[in-house]
PDB file of N, CA and C in Angstrom:
ATOM      1  N   MET A   1       0.887  -1.090  -0.229  1.00  0.00           N
ATOM      2  CA  MET A   1      -0.296   0.009   0.105  1.00  0.00           C
ATOM      3  C   MET A   1       0.762   1.076  -0.051  1.00  0.00           C
ATOM      4  N   GLU A   2       0.562   1.974  -1.033  1.00  0.00           N
ATOM      5  CA  GLU A   2       1.314   3.145  -1.013  1.00  0.00           C
ATOM      6  C   GLU A   2       0.687   4.081  -0.695  1.00  0.00           C
ATOM      7  N   GLY A   3       1.170   5.145   0.603  1.00  0.00           N
ATOM      8  CA  GLY A   3       0.584   6.407   1.251  1.00  0.00           C
ATOM      9  C   GLY A   3      -0.212   5.376   2.444  1.00  0.00           C
ATOM     10  N   LYS A   4      -1.019   6.784   3.122  1.00  0.00           N
ATOM     11  CA  LYS A   4      -1.951   6.270   4.289  1.00  0.00           C
ATOM     12  C   LYS A   4      -3.211   6.138   3.765  1.00  0.00           C
ATOM     13  N   ALA A   5      -4.194   5.868   4.728  1.00  0.00           N
ATOM     14  CA  ALA A   5      -5.447   5.390   3.763  1.00  0.00           C
ATOM     15  C   ALA A   5      -6.682   5.835   5.444  1.00  0.00           C
ATOM     16  N   ILE A   6      -8.111   5.937   4.958  1.00  0.00           N
ATOM     17  CA  ILE A   6      -8.468   5.556   5.814  1.00  0.00           C
ATOM     18  C   ILE A   6      -9.114   3.493   5.977  1.00  0.00           C
ATOM     19  N   LEU A   7      -9.182   3.435   7.256  1.00  0.00           N
ATOM     20  CA  LEU A   7      -9.522   1.851   7.197  1.00  0.00           C
ATOM     21  C   LEU A   7     -11.129   1.383   7.840  1.00  0.00           C
ATOM     22  N   VAL A   8     -11.566   0.883   7.014  1.00  0.00           N
ATOM     23  CA  VAL A   8     -12.780   0.436   7.638  1.00  0.00           C
ATOM     24  C   VAL A   8     -12.901  -1.192   7.992  1.00  0.00           C
ATOM     25  N   ILE A   9     -13.670  -1.275   9.305  1.00  0.00           N
ATOM     26  CA  ILE A   9     -13.304  -2.372   9.425  1.00  0.00           C
ATOM     27  C   ILE A   9     -14.968  -3.005   9.464  1.00  0.00           C
ATOM     28  N   GLY A  10     -15.344  -4.273   8.737  1.00  0.00           N
ATOM     29  CA  GLY A  10     -16.992  -4.090   8.417  1.00  0.00           C
ATOM     30  C   GLY A  10     -16.936  -4.076   7.282  1.00  0.00           C
ATOM     31  N   LEU A  11     -17.105  -4.738   6.424  1.00  0.00           N
ATOM     32  CA  LEU A  11     -18.147  -4.581   5.307  1.00  0.00           C
ATOM     33  C   LEU A  11     -19.458  -4.899   4.911  1.00  0.00           C
ATOM     34  N   GLY A  12     -20.518  -4.658   6.281  1.00  0.00           N
ATOM     35  CA  GLY A  12     -21.340  -5.312   5.786  1.00  0.00           C
ATOM     36  C   GLY A  12     -22.527  -4.353   5.766  1.00  0.00           C
ATOM     37  N   LYS A  13     -24.013  -3.845   6.040  1.00  0.00           N
ATOM     38  CA  LYS A  13     -24.222  -3.065   6.195  1.00  0.00           C
ATOM     39  C   LYS A  13     -23.870  -1.125   6.922  1.00  0.00           C
ATOM     40  N   LEU A  14     -23.272  -1.641   7.794  1.00  0.00           N
ATOM     41  CA  LEU A  14     -22.610  -0.047   7.928  1.00  0.00           C
ATOM     42  C   LEU A  14     -21.685   0.237   6.985  1.00  0.00           C
ATOM     43  N   GLY A  15     -20.412  -0.694   7.228  1.00  0.00           N
ATOM     44  CA  GLY A  15     -19.226  -0.940   6.441  1.00  0.00           C
ATOM     45  C   GLY A  15     -19.342  -0.028   5.434  1.00  0.00           C
ATOM     46  N   ILE A  16     -19.638  -0.952   4.315  1.00  0.00           N
ATOM     47  CA  ILE A  16     -19.543  -0.548   2.697  1.00  0.00           C
ATOM     48  C   ILE A  16     -20.330   0.192   2.615  1.00  0.00           C
ATOM     49  N   PRO A  17     -21.176   0.986   2.842  1.00  0.00           N
ATOM     50  CA  PRO A  17     -21.514   2.829   2.430  1.00  0.00           C
ATOM     51  C   PRO A  17     -20.863   3.601   3.022  1.00  0.00           C
ATOM     52  N   LEU A  18     -20.486   3.285   4.842  1.00  0.00           N
ATOM     53  CA  LEU A  18     -19.135   4.323   5.035  1.00  0.00           C
ATOM     54  C   LEU A  18     -17.669   3.796   3.179  1.00  0.00           C
ATOM     55  N   ALA A  19     -17.572   3.008   3.643  1.00  0.00           N
ATOM     56  CA  ALA A  19     -15.957   3.304   2.791  1.00  0.00           C
ATOM     57  C   ALA A  19     -16.439   3.398   1.472  1.00  0.00           C
ATOM     58  N   VAL A  20     -17.550   3.381   0.742  1.00  0.00           N
ATOM     59  CA  VAL A  20     -17.647   4.234  -0.292  1.00  0.00           C
ATOM     60  C   VAL A  20     -18.143   5.591  -0.865  1.00  0.00           C
ATOM     61  N   CYS A  21     -18.544   6.115   0.452  1.00  0.00           N
ATOM     62  CA  CYS A  21     -18.789   7.236   1.130  1.00  0.00           C
ATOM     63  C   CYS A  21     -17.498   8.641   1.117  1.00  0.00           C
ATOM     64  N   PHE A  22     -16.458   7.517   1.686  1.00  0.00           N
ATOM     65  CA  PHE A  22     -14.952   7.960   1.707  1.00  0.00           C
ATOM     66  C   PHE A  22     -14.330   7.918  -0.132  1.00  0.00           C
ATOM     67  N   VAL A  23     -14.560   6.490   0.031  1.00  0.00           N
ATOM     68  CA  VAL A  23     -14.448   6.391  -1.904  1.00  0.00           C
ATOM     69  C   VAL A  23     -15.148   8.628  -2.827  1.00  0.00           C
ATOM     70  N   GLY A  24     -16.386   8.139  -2.589  1.00  0.00           N
ATOM     71  CA  GLY A  24     -16.291   9.172  -3.098  1.00  0.00           C
ATOM     72  C   GLY A  24     -16.250  10.760  -2.642  1.00  0.00           C
ATOM     73  N   LYS A  25     -15.177  11.198  -1.740  1.00  0.00           N
ATOM     74  CA  LYS A  25     -14.852  12.072  -2.290  1.00  0.00           C
ATOM     75  C   LYS A  25     -13.617  12.018  -2.173  1.00  0.00           C
ATOM     76  N   ARG A  26     -13.470  10.985  -2.641  1.00  0.00           N
ATOM     77  CA  ARG A  26     -11.605  10.911  -3.349  1.00  0.00           C
ATOM     78  C   ARG A  26     -10.617  10.668  -2.471  1.00  0.00           C
ATOM     79  N   PHE A  27     -10.823   9.498  -0.925  1.00  0.00           N
ATOM     80  CA  PHE A  27     -10.157   9.553   0.367  1.00  0.00           C
ATOM     81  C   PHE A  27      -9.914   8.241  -0.380  1.00  0.00           C
ATOM     82  N   ARG A  28      -8.563   7.533  -0.014  1.00  0.00           N
ATOM     83  CA  ARG A  28      -8.346   5.831  -0.275  1.00  0.00           C
ATOM     84  C   ARG A  28      -8.642   5.474   0.812  1.00  0.00           C
ATOM     85  N   VAL A  29      -9.296   4.049   0.139  1.00  0.00           N
ATOM     86  CA  VAL A  29      -9.813   3.608   2.195  1.00  0.00           C
ATOM     87  C   VAL A  29      -9.511   1.662   1.526  1.00  0.00           C
ATOM     88  N   VAL A  30      -9.181   1.235   3.040  1.00  0.00           N
ATOM     89  CA  VAL A  30      -8.568  -0.371   2.595  1.00  0.00           C
ATOM     90  C   VAL A  30     -10.578  -0.924   4.147  1.00  0.00           C
ATOM     91  N   GLY A  31     -10.809  -1.590   3.031  1.00  0.00           N
ATOM     92  CA  GLY A  31     -12.112  -2.224   3.594  1.00  0.00           C
ATOM     93  C   GLY A  31     -11.034  -3.762   3.942  1.00  0.00           C
ATOM     94  N   VAL A  32     -11.777  -4.323   5.553  1.00  0.00           N
ATOM     95  CA  VAL A  32     -11.132  -5.255   6.732  1.00  0.00           C
ATOM     96  C   VAL A  32     -12.506  -5.824   6.781  1.00  0.00           C
ATOM     97  N   ASP A  33     -13.106  -6.406   6.402  1.00  0.00           N
ATOM     98  CA  ASP A  33     -14.129  -8.165   7.156  1.00  0.00           C
ATOM     99  C   ASP A  33     -12.961  -9.458   7.332  1.00  0.00           C
ATOM    100  N   VAL A  34     -13.413 -10.288   8.381  1.00  0.00           N
ATOM    101  CA  VAL A  34     -13.524 -11.459   8.744  1.00  0.00           C
ATOM    102  C   VAL A  34     -14.444 -12.451   7.111  1.00  0.00           C
ATOM    103  N   ASP A  35     -15.077 -12.273   6.533  1.00  0.00           N
ATOM    104  CA  ASP A  35     -15.972 -12.604   6.232  1.00  0.00           C
ATOM    105  C   ASP A  35     -15.064 -12.806   4.467  1.00  0.00           C
ATOM    106  N   PRO A  36     -14.630 -13.709   4.008  1.00  0.00           N
ATOM    107  CA  PRO A  36     -14.083 -13.867   2.798  1.00  0.00           C
ATOM    108  C   PRO A  36     -14.776 -13.544   1.451  1.00  0.00           C
ATOM    109  N   ARG A  37     -16.323 -13.624   1.790  1.00  0.00           N
ATOM    110  CA  ARG A  37     -16.794 -13.558   0.923  1.00  0.00           C
ATOM    111  C   ARG A  37     -17.239 -11.982   0.513  1.00  0.00           C
ATOM    112  N   ARG A  38     -17.569 -11.279   1.477  1.00  0.00           N
ATOM    113  CA  ARG A  38     -18.431  -9.874   2.255  1.00  0.00           C
ATOM    114  C   ARG A  38     -16.684  -9.375   1.403  1.00  0.00           C
ATOM    115  N   VAL A  39     -15.388  -9.403   1.432  1.00  0.00           N
ATOM    116  CA  VAL A  39     -14.079  -9.081   0.855  1.00  0.00           C
ATOM    117  C   VAL A  39     -14.094  -9.395  -0.493  1.00  0.00           C
ATOM    118  N   ASP A  40     -14.739 -10.587  -1.209  1.00  0.00           N
ATOM    119  CA  ASP A  40     -14.394 -10.719  -2.316  1.00  0.00           C
ATOM    120  C   ASP A  40     -15.644 -10.511  -2.941  1.00  0.00           C
ATOM    121  N   ALA A  41     -17.036  -9.823  -2.860  1.00  0.00           N
ATOM    122  CA  ALA A  41     -17.790  -9.530  -3.703  1.00  0.00           C
ATOM    123  C   ALA A  41     -17.663  -7.809  -3.600  1.00  0.00           C
ATOM    124  N   VAL A  42     -17.013  -7.510  -2.318  1.00  0.00           N
ATOM    125  CA  VAL A  42     -16.048  -6.023  -3.141  1.00  0.00           C
ATOM    126  C   VAL A  42     -15.106  -5.800  -3.682  1.00  0.00           C
ATOM    127  N   LYS A  43     -14.911  -6.645  -4.230  1.00  0.00           N
ATOM    128  CA  LYS A  43     -13.355  -6.905  -4.728  1.00  0.00           C
ATOM    129  C   LYS A  43     -14.317  -6.366  -6.554  1.00  0.00           C
ATOM    130  N   ARG A  44     -14.980  -7.498  -6.574  1.00  0.00           N
ATOM    131  CA  ARG A  44     -15.343  -7.432  -7.675  1.00  0.00           C
ATOM    132  C   ARG A  44     -17.252  -6.508  -7.983  1.00  0.00           C
ATOM    133  N   GLY A  45     -16.844  -5.853  -7.084  1.00  0.00           N
ATOM    134  CA  GLY A  45     -17.452  -4.260  -7.428  1.00  0.00           C
ATOM    135  C   GLY A  45     -18.981  -5.000  -7.683  1.00  0.00           C
ATOM    136  N   ALA A  46     -19.599  -5.974  -6.040  1.00  0.00           N
ATOM    137  CA  ALA A  46     -20.676  -6.365  -5.704  1.00  0.00           C
ATOM    138  C   ALA A  46     -21.095  -6.607  -4.864  1.00  0.00           C
ATOM    139  N   PRO A  47     -21.232  -5.590  -3.986  1.00  0.00           N
ATOM    140  CA  PRO A  47     -21.402  -6.124  -2.296  1.00  0.00           C
ATOM    141  C   PRO A  47     -22.600  -6.856  -2.038  1.00  0.00           C
ATOM    142  N   LEU A  48     -22.495  -7.410  -1.343  1.00  0.00           N
ATOM    143  CA  LEU A  48     -23.625  -8.106  -0.461  1.00  0.00           C
ATOM    144  C   LEU A  48     -24.812  -7.682  -0.641  1.00  0.00           C
ATOM    145  N   ILE A  49     -24.225  -5.986   0.557  1.00  0.00           N
ATOM    146  CA  ILE A  49     -25.272  -4.864   0.535  1.00  0.00           C
ATOM    147  C   ILE A  49     -26.161  -4.361   0.177  1.00  0.00           C
ATOM    148  N   TYR A  50     -27.350  -4.226  -0.065  1.00  0.00           N
ATOM    149  CA  TYR A  50     -27.834  -3.170  -0.654  1.00  0.00           C
ATOM    150  C   TYR A  50     -27.643  -1.209  -0.296  1.00  0.00           C
ATOM    151  N   GLU A  51     -27.280  -0.803  -0.609  1.00  0.00           N
ATOM    152  CA  GLU A  51     -27.573   0.407  -0.297  1.00  0.00           C
ATOM    153  C   GLU A  51     -27.820   1.685  -1.600  1.00  0.00           C
ATOM    154  N   PRO A  52     -28.701   1.947  -1.513  1.00  0.00           N
ATOM    155  CA  PRO A  52     -28.954   3.432  -2.669  1.00  0.00           C
ATOM    156  C   PRO A  52     -27.431   4.095  -3.092  1.00  0.00           C
ATOM    157  N   VAL A  53     -26.963   4.110  -3.771  1.00  0.00           N
ATOM    158  CA  VAL A  53     -25.660   4.683  -4.848  1.00  0.00           C
ATOM    159  C   VAL A  53     -24.180   3.748  -4.340  1.00  0.00           C
ATOM    160  N   THR A  54     -24.805   2.821  -3.214  1.00  0.00           N
ATOM    161  CA  THR A  54     -23.030   2.238  -3.186  1.00  0.00           C
ATOM    162  C   THR A  54     -22.588   1.619  -4.280  1.00  0.00           C
ATOM    163  N   ALA A  55     -23.620   0.942  -5.290  1.00  0.00           N
ATOM    164  CA  ALA A  55     -22.814  -0.461  -6.312  1.00  0.00           C
ATOM    165  C   ALA A  55     -22.461   1.227  -7.153  1.00  0.00           C
ATOM    166  N   GLU A  56     -23.240   2.262  -7.002  1.00  0.00           N
ATOM    167  CA  GLU A  56     -21.886   3.282  -8.097  1.00  0.00           C
ATOM    168  C   GLU A  56     -21.244   3.607  -7.862  1.00  0.00           C
ATOM    169  N   LEU A  57     -21.100   4.044  -6.044  1.00  0.00           N
ATOM    170  CA  LEU A  57     -20.013   4.620  -5.654  1.00  0.00           C
ATOM    171  C   LEU A  57     -18.867   4.071  -5.616  1.00  0.00           C
ATOM    172  N   LEU A  58     -19.074   2.372  -5.698  1.00  0.00           N
ATOM    173  CA  LEU A  58     -17.938   1.654  -5.296  1.00  0.00           C
ATOM    174  C   LEU A  58     -17.352   1.179  -7.399  1.00  0.00           C
ATOM    175  N   ALA A  59     -18.192   1.928  -8.636  1.00  0.00           N
ATOM    176  CA  ALA A  59     -17.626   1.710  -9.228  1.00  0.00           C
ATOM    177  C   ALA A  59     -17.340   2.034  -9.934  1.00  0.00           C
ATOM    178  N   ALA A  60     -17.592   3.940  -9.221  1.00  0.00           N
ATOM    179  CA  ALA A  60     -16.436   4.553 -10.032  1.00  0.00           C
ATOM    180  C   ALA A  60     -15.266   5.287  -8.969  1.00  0.00           C
ATOM    181  N   ALA A  61     -14.635   3.851  -8.466  1.00  0.00           N
ATOM    182  CA  ALA A  61     -13.587   3.987  -7.456  1.00  0.00           C
ATOM    183  C   ALA A  61     -11.988   4.299  -7.767  1.00  0.00           C
ATOM    184  N   ASP A  62     -12.353   3.623  -9.159  1.00  0.00           N
ATOM    185  CA  ASP A  62     -10.730   4.272  -9.472  1.00  0.00           C
ATOM    186  C   ASP A  62      -9.552   3.419  -8.618  1.00  0.00           C
ATOM    187  N   GLY A  63      -9.587   2.325  -8.092  1.00  0.00           N
ATOM    188  CA  GLY A  63      -9.188   2.158  -7.076  1.00  0.00           C
ATOM    189  C   GLY A  63      -8.531   2.174  -6.188  1.00  0.00           C
ATOM    190  N   ARG A  64      -9.272   3.004  -5.918  1.00  0.00           N
ATOM    191  CA  ARG A  64      -8.527   3.540  -4.324  1.00  0.00           C
ATOM    192  C   ARG A  64      -9.981   3.405  -3.275  1.00  0.00           C
ATOM    193  N   LEU A  65     -10.575   2.193  -3.633  1.00  0.00           N
ATOM    194  CA  LEU A  65     -10.784   0.561  -2.528  1.00  0.00           C
ATOM    195  C   LEU A  65     -10.073  -0.472  -2.953  1.00  0.00           C
ATOM    196  N   THR A  66      -9.629  -0.623  -1.467  1.00  0.00           N
ATOM    197  CA  THR A  66      -9.128  -2.266  -1.832  1.00  0.00           C
ATOM    198  C   THR A  66      -9.664  -2.686  -0.492  1.00  0.00           C
ATOM    199  N   THR A  67      -9.499  -4.004  -0.283  1.00  0.00           N
ATOM    200  CA  THR A  67     -10.468  -4.875   0.842  1.00  0.00           C
ATOM    201  C   THR A  67      -9.348  -6.171   1.091  1.00  0.00           C
ATOM    202  N   THR A  68      -9.200  -6.649   2.561  1.00  0.00           N
ATOM    203  CA  THR A  68      -8.354  -7.171   2.722  1.00  0.00           C
ATOM    204  C   THR A  68      -9.156  -8.113   4.416  1.00  0.00           C
ATOM    205  N   GLN A  69      -8.638  -9.232   4.283  1.00  0.00           N
ATOM    206  CA  GLN A  69      -9.324  -9.550   5.709  1.00  0.00           C
ATOM    207  C   GLN A  69      -7.465  -9.808   6.347  1.00  0.00           C
ATOM    208  N   ASP A  70      -6.543  -8.545   6.474  1.00  0.00           N
ATOM    209  CA  ASP A  70      -6.247  -8.756   7.220  1.00  0.00           C
ATOM    210  C   ASP A  70      -5.782  -7.504   7.686  1.00  0.00           C
ATOM    211  N   ALA A  71      -6.474  -7.352   9.427  1.00  0.00           N
ATOM    212  CA  ALA A  71      -6.432  -5.836   9.076  1.00  0.00           C
ATOM    213  C   ALA A  71      -5.398  -5.508  10.792  1.00  0.00           C
ATOM    214  N   GLU A  72      -4.490  -6.585  10.488  1.00  0.00           N
ATOM    215  CA  GLU A  72      -3.370  -5.812  11.508  1.00  0.00           C
ATOM    216  C   GLU A  72      -2.847  -5.056  10.785  1.00  0.00           C
ATOM    217  N   VAL A  73      -2.293  -5.764   9.456  1.00  0.00           N
ATOM    218  CA  VAL A  73      -1.821  -4.967   7.708  1.00  0.00           C
ATOM    219  C   VAL A  73      -2.560  -3.167   7.648  1.00  0.00           C
ATOM    220  N   ALA A  74      -3.492  -3.301   7.714  1.00  0.00           N
ATOM    221  CA  ALA A  74      -4.102  -2.561   6.961  1.00  0.00           C
ATOM    222  C   ALA A  74      -4.102  -1.502   7.928  1.00  0.00           C
ATOM    223  N   ALA A  75      -4.259  -1.814   9.508  1.00  0.00           N
ATOM    224  CA  ALA A  75      -3.710  -0.529  10.214  1.00  0.00           C
ATOM    225  C   ALA A  75      -3.156  -0.281  10.430  1.00  0.00           C
ATOM    226  N   ARG A  76      -2.438  -0.899  10.830  1.00  0.00           N
ATOM    227  CA  ARG A  76      -0.336  -0.436  10.329  1.00  0.00           C
ATOM    228  C   ARG A  76      -0.374   0.972   9.218  1.00  0.00           C
ATOM    229  N   GLU A  77      -0.993   0.293   8.194  1.00  0.00           N
ATOM    230  CA  GLU A  77      -0.971   1.449   6.915  1.00  0.00           C
ATOM    231  C   GLU A  77      -2.101   2.663   6.983  1.00  0.00           C
ATOM    232  N   SER A  78      -2.568   3.014   8.065  1.00  0.00           N
ATOM    233  CA  SER A  78      -3.505   3.764   7.523  1.00  0.00           C
ATOM    234  C   SER A  78      -3.644   4.767   9.132  1.00  0.00           C
ATOM    235  N   ASP A  79      -4.371   5.843   8.294  1.00  0.00           N
ATOM    236  CA  ASP A  79      -4.197   6.658   9.820  1.00  0.00           C
ATOM    237  C   ASP A  79      -5.275   6.868  10.178  1.00  0.00           C
ATOM    238  N   VAL A  80      -6.439   6.752   9.756  1.00  0.00           N
ATOM    239  CA  VAL A  80      -7.680   6.465  10.840  1.00  0.00           C
ATOM    240  C   VAL A  80      -8.497   5.671  11.003  1.00  0.00           C
ATOM    241  N   THR A  81      -9.165   5.055  11.500  1.00  0.00           N
ATOM    242  CA  THR A  81      -9.586   3.477  11.681  1.00  0.00           C
ATOM    243  C   THR A  81     -11.692   3.902  12.026  1.00  0.00           C
ATOM    244  N   PHE A  82     -12.068   3.267  11.895  1.00  0.00           N
ATOM    245  CA  PHE A  82     -13.596   3.438  11.525  1.00  0.00           C
ATOM    246  C   PHE A  82     -13.624   1.754  11.628  1.00  0.00           C
ATOM    247  N   ASP A  83     -14.956   1.282  12.252  1.00  0.00           N
ATOM    248  CA  ASP A  83     -15.571   0.271  12.915  1.00  0.00           C
ATOM    249  C   ASP A  83     -16.852   0.212  12.071  1.00  0.00           C
ATOM    250  N   GLY A  84     -17.052  -0.061  11.359  1.00  0.00           N
ATOM    251  CA  GLY A  84     -18.726  -0.435  11.027  1.00  0.00           C
ATOM    252  C   GLY A  84     -19.426  -1.374  10.949  1.00  0.00           C
ATOM    253  N   GLY A  85     -18.556  -2.401  11.769  1.00  0.00           N
ATOM    254  CA  GLY A  85     -18.716  -4.145  11.912  1.00  0.00           C
ATOM    255  C   GLY A  85     -19.700  -3.834  13.034  1.00  0.00           C
TER     256      GLY A  85
END
């Protein structure tokens, strides 16, 4: 990861909308979740949670949103952490 990012823990009904809102404001975001299905779904651009405009913001992320299951590494490389889980 280059530079610092906002870390969002949990990619569920609170976390993914929060993450894509930050991305929509041009921040770089790392989303972390223990559920590999959620991590993979966001990587594919198809989050498991429906919220209005979430898919559109995710589609426009332009590489500013990454996902992982490794919270320790993501936390070390971020400036701010939000727990959306």
